[in-house]
Amino acid sequence: MPERIEQHIGTILQVMVIALLGWSLSTTVSLKTDVDVLKTQVSMLNNTIQQGVADRVAVAAIRADVSNFERRLSLCEAHK
C-alpha cells in the first residue's frame, strides 16, 4: 500500500513539474512578444525624435537665412 501512495505522489509531482514547465514556456513566449512590441515602439519613437531634430535644424537654418535676408534688405533700403 505505501508503494502505491509513493507512486501517486510521484505522478502528482511529475504532473506539477510538467505544468510548471508549460507555464514557464507560455510566459517566456508572451514576454518575447511584449519585448518585440516594445522594441518596435522604441524604434518608432527614435525615428520621431530624429525627425524632430532634423526639423529643428532646418528651422534654425531658415531663421538664419531670413535674418540674413532682412539684414541685406535693410542695408538696401538704407542706400536708397
N, C-alpha and C. Protein backbone atom coordinates (compact mmCIF):
# COMPACT_ATOMS: atom_id res chain seq x y z
N MET A 1 0.80 -1.20 0.00
CA MET A 1 0.00 0.00 0.00
C MET A 1 0.85 1.27 0.00
N PRO A 2 1.90 1.37 0.85
CA PRO A 2 2.72 2.58 0.82
C PRO A 2 3.39 2.81 -0.53
N GLU A 3 3.67 1.72 -1.25
CA GLU A 3 4.28 1.87 -2.58
C GLU A 3 3.32 2.56 -3.54
N ARG A 4 2.03 2.24 -3.44
CA ARG A 4 1.03 2.88 -4.31
C ARG A 4 0.93 4.37 -4.02
N ILE A 5 0.97 4.75 -2.76
CA ILE A 5 0.91 6.16 -2.38
C ILE A 5 2.14 6.88 -2.92
N GLU A 6 3.29 6.23 -2.83
CA GLU A 6 4.52 6.84 -3.36
C GLU A 6 4.42 7.02 -4.87
N GLN A 7 3.82 6.03 -5.54
CA GLN A 7 3.63 6.16 -6.99
C GLN A 7 2.69 7.31 -7.32
N HIS A 8 1.61 7.44 -6.56
CA HIS A 8 0.67 8.54 -6.80
C HIS A 8 1.34 9.89 -6.54
N ILE A 9 2.08 9.97 -5.45
CA ILE A 9 2.79 11.22 -5.14
C ILE A 9 3.80 11.53 -6.24
N GLY A 10 4.52 10.52 -6.71
CA GLY A 10 5.47 10.72 -7.81
C GLY A 10 4.78 11.21 -9.06
N THR A 11 3.62 10.60 -9.37
CA THR A 11 2.86 11.01 -10.56
C THR A 11 2.37 12.45 -10.40
N ILE A 12 1.87 12.78 -9.22
CA ILE A 12 1.40 14.16 -8.97
C ILE A 12 2.55 15.15 -9.12
N LEU A 13 3.71 14.81 -8.59
CA LEU A 13 4.87 15.71 -8.71
C LEU A 13 5.30 15.87 -10.17
N GLN A 14 5.25 14.78 -10.93
CA GLN A 14 5.60 14.86 -12.35
C GLN A 14 4.62 15.77 -13.10
N VAL A 15 3.35 15.63 -12.80
CA VAL A 15 2.33 16.47 -13.45
C VAL A 15 2.56 17.94 -13.08
N MET A 16 2.89 18.18 -11.82
CA MET A 16 3.14 19.56 -11.39
C MET A 16 4.36 20.14 -12.10
N VAL A 17 5.41 19.34 -12.25
CA VAL A 17 6.61 19.83 -12.95
C VAL A 17 6.28 20.12 -14.41
N ILE A 18 5.54 19.26 -15.06
CA ILE A 18 5.16 19.48 -16.46
C ILE A 18 4.30 20.74 -16.58
N ALA A 19 3.37 20.92 -15.63
CA ALA A 19 2.53 22.12 -15.65
C ALA A 19 3.37 23.38 -15.48
N LEU A 20 4.34 23.34 -14.58
CA LEU A 20 5.21 24.49 -14.38
C LEU A 20 6.06 24.78 -15.61
N LEU A 21 6.53 23.73 -16.26
CA LEU A 21 7.30 23.92 -17.50
C LEU A 21 6.44 24.54 -18.59
N GLY A 22 5.19 24.08 -18.69
CA GLY A 22 4.27 24.65 -19.67
C GLY A 22 3.99 26.12 -19.39
N TRP A 23 3.75 26.43 -18.12
CA TRP A 23 3.50 27.82 -17.74
C TRP A 23 4.73 28.68 -18.03
N SER A 24 5.90 28.15 -17.71
CA SER A 24 7.15 28.89 -17.95
C SER A 24 7.33 29.16 -19.44
N LEU A 25 7.06 28.17 -20.26
CA LEU A 25 7.21 28.34 -21.71
C LEU A 25 6.23 29.38 -22.24
N SER A 26 4.97 29.30 -21.82
CA SER A 26 3.98 30.27 -22.31
C SER A 26 4.32 31.68 -21.84
N THR A 27 4.82 31.80 -20.61
CA THR A 27 5.22 33.11 -20.10
C THR A 27 6.40 33.66 -20.87
N THR A 28 7.35 32.80 -21.19
CA THR A 28 8.51 33.23 -21.96
C THR A 28 8.10 33.71 -23.35
N VAL A 29 7.22 32.99 -24.00
CA VAL A 29 6.73 33.38 -25.33
C VAL A 29 6.00 34.72 -25.24
N SER A 30 5.17 34.86 -24.21
CA SER A 30 4.43 36.11 -24.03
C SER A 30 5.37 37.29 -23.80
N LEU A 31 6.38 37.07 -22.98
CA LEU A 31 7.35 38.13 -22.71
C LEU A 31 8.13 38.49 -23.97
N LYS A 32 8.48 37.50 -24.78
CA LYS A 32 9.20 37.76 -26.02
C LYS A 32 8.34 38.63 -26.94
N THR A 33 7.06 38.32 -27.02
CA THR A 33 6.15 39.12 -27.84
C THR A 33 6.07 40.55 -27.32
N ASP A 34 5.96 40.70 -26.01
CA ASP A 34 5.90 42.03 -25.41
C ASP A 34 7.18 42.82 -25.68
N VAL A 35 8.33 42.15 -25.58
CA VAL A 35 9.61 42.82 -25.84
C VAL A 35 9.69 43.25 -27.30
N ASP A 36 9.22 42.40 -28.21
CA ASP A 36 9.24 42.78 -29.63
C ASP A 36 8.37 44.00 -29.89
N VAL A 37 7.20 44.05 -29.25
CA VAL A 37 6.32 45.22 -29.40
C VAL A 37 7.01 46.47 -28.85
N LEU A 38 7.63 46.34 -27.69
CA LEU A 38 8.32 47.48 -27.09
C LEU A 38 9.50 47.94 -27.95
N LYS A 39 10.23 47.01 -28.53
CA LYS A 39 11.34 47.37 -29.42
C LYS A 39 10.83 48.16 -30.62
N THR A 40 9.71 47.73 -31.17
CA THR A 40 9.12 48.44 -32.32
C THR A 40 8.70 49.85 -31.91
N GLN A 41 8.08 49.97 -30.75
CA GLN A 41 7.65 51.29 -30.28
C GLN A 41 8.84 52.20 -30.01
N VAL A 42 9.90 51.67 -29.43
CA VAL A 42 11.10 52.46 -29.17
C VAL A 42 11.72 52.91 -30.49
N SER A 43 11.74 52.02 -31.46
CA SER A 43 12.28 52.38 -32.78
C SER A 43 11.46 53.50 -33.42
N MET A 44 10.14 53.39 -33.31
CA MET A 44 9.27 54.44 -33.88
C MET A 44 9.49 55.76 -33.15
N LEU A 45 9.61 55.73 -31.83
CA LEU A 45 9.88 56.96 -31.07
C LEU A 45 11.22 57.56 -31.45
N ASN A 46 12.22 56.71 -31.63
CA ASN A 46 13.53 57.18 -32.03
C ASN A 46 13.46 57.87 -33.39
N ASN A 47 12.73 57.28 -34.32
CA ASN A 47 12.57 57.90 -35.65
C ASN A 47 11.86 59.25 -35.53
N THR A 48 10.84 59.32 -34.69
CA THR A 48 10.12 60.57 -34.50
C THR A 48 11.03 61.64 -33.90
N ILE A 49 11.84 61.25 -32.93
CA ILE A 49 12.78 62.20 -32.32
C ILE A 49 13.81 62.67 -33.34
N GLN A 50 14.33 61.75 -34.13
CA GLN A 50 15.31 62.12 -35.15
C GLN A 50 14.70 63.09 -36.16
N GLN A 51 13.45 62.85 -36.55
CA GLN A 51 12.77 63.76 -37.48
C GLN A 51 12.58 65.12 -36.84
N GLY A 52 12.24 65.15 -35.55
CA GLY A 52 12.09 66.42 -34.85
C GLY A 52 13.40 67.18 -34.78
N VAL A 53 14.50 66.46 -34.55
CA VAL A 53 15.81 67.12 -34.52
C VAL A 53 16.14 67.68 -35.91
N ALA A 54 15.87 66.90 -36.94
CA ALA A 54 16.13 67.36 -38.31
C ALA A 54 15.28 68.59 -38.63
N ASP A 55 14.03 68.58 -38.18
CA ASP A 55 13.15 69.73 -38.41
C ASP A 55 13.66 70.96 -37.68
N ARG A 56 14.16 70.79 -36.45
CA ARG A 56 14.69 71.94 -35.69
C ARG A 56 15.91 72.52 -36.39
N VAL A 57 16.76 71.63 -36.91
CA VAL A 57 17.95 72.10 -37.62
C VAL A 57 17.53 72.87 -38.87
N ALA A 58 16.53 72.36 -39.59
CA ALA A 58 16.04 73.03 -40.79
C ALA A 58 15.44 74.39 -40.43
N VAL A 59 14.67 74.45 -39.35
CA VAL A 59 14.06 75.72 -38.93
C VAL A 59 15.15 76.72 -38.55
N ALA A 60 16.18 76.25 -37.87
CA ALA A 60 17.27 77.15 -37.49
C ALA A 60 17.97 77.70 -38.73
N ALA A 61 18.16 76.86 -39.73
CA ALA A 61 18.78 77.33 -40.98
C ALA A 61 17.89 78.33 -41.69
N ILE A 62 16.58 78.09 -41.70
CA ILE A 62 15.64 79.02 -42.32
C ILE A 62 15.65 80.35 -41.58
N ARG A 63 15.67 80.31 -40.26
CA ARG A 63 15.72 81.55 -39.48
C ARG A 63 16.99 82.34 -39.78
N ALA A 64 18.09 81.64 -39.91
CA ALA A 64 19.35 82.31 -40.24
C ALA A 64 19.26 82.95 -41.62
N ASP A 65 18.68 82.24 -42.58
CA ASP A 65 18.52 82.78 -43.93
C ASP A 65 17.61 84.00 -43.92
N VAL A 66 16.52 83.93 -43.18
CA VAL A 66 15.58 85.06 -43.10
C VAL A 66 16.28 86.25 -42.44
N SER A 67 17.03 85.98 -41.39
CA SER A 67 17.75 87.05 -40.71
C SER A 67 18.75 87.72 -41.65
N ASN A 68 19.49 86.92 -42.41
CA ASN A 68 20.44 87.48 -43.38
C ASN A 68 19.72 88.28 -44.46
N PHE A 69 18.57 87.76 -44.92
CA PHE A 69 17.80 88.47 -45.95
C PHE A 69 17.29 89.80 -45.40
N GLU A 70 16.77 89.79 -44.17
CA GLU A 70 16.27 91.04 -43.59
C GLU A 70 17.40 92.04 -43.39
N ARG A 71 18.58 91.57 -43.00
CA ARG A 71 19.72 92.46 -42.82
C ARG A 71 20.12 93.07 -44.17
N ARG A 72 20.19 92.25 -45.22
CA ARG A 72 20.54 92.79 -46.54
C ARG A 72 19.46 93.72 -47.07
N LEU A 73 18.20 93.40 -46.79
CA LEU A 73 17.11 94.25 -47.23
C LEU A 73 17.18 95.61 -46.53
N SER A 74 17.48 95.60 -45.26
CA SER A 74 17.57 96.87 -44.54
C SER A 74 18.78 97.68 -45.05
N LEU A 75 19.88 97.01 -45.42
CA LEU A 75 21.03 97.70 -46.00
C LEU A 75 20.66 98.33 -47.34
N CYS A 76 19.90 97.59 -48.15
CA CYS A 76 19.47 98.14 -49.44
C CYS A 76 18.54 99.32 -49.24
N GLU A 77 17.63 99.22 -48.29
CA GLU A 77 16.70 100.32 -48.04
C GLU A 77 17.46 101.54 -47.49
N ALA A 78 18.53 101.30 -46.76
CA ALA A 78 19.31 102.40 -46.21
C ALA A 78 20.07 103.13 -47.32
N HIS A 79 20.41 102.47 -48.41
CA HIS A 79 21.15 103.09 -49.52
C HIS A 79 20.25 103.84 -50.48
N LYS A 80 18.96 103.77 -50.34
CA LYS A 80 18.03 104.45 -51.26
C LYS A 80 18.17 105.93 -51.18
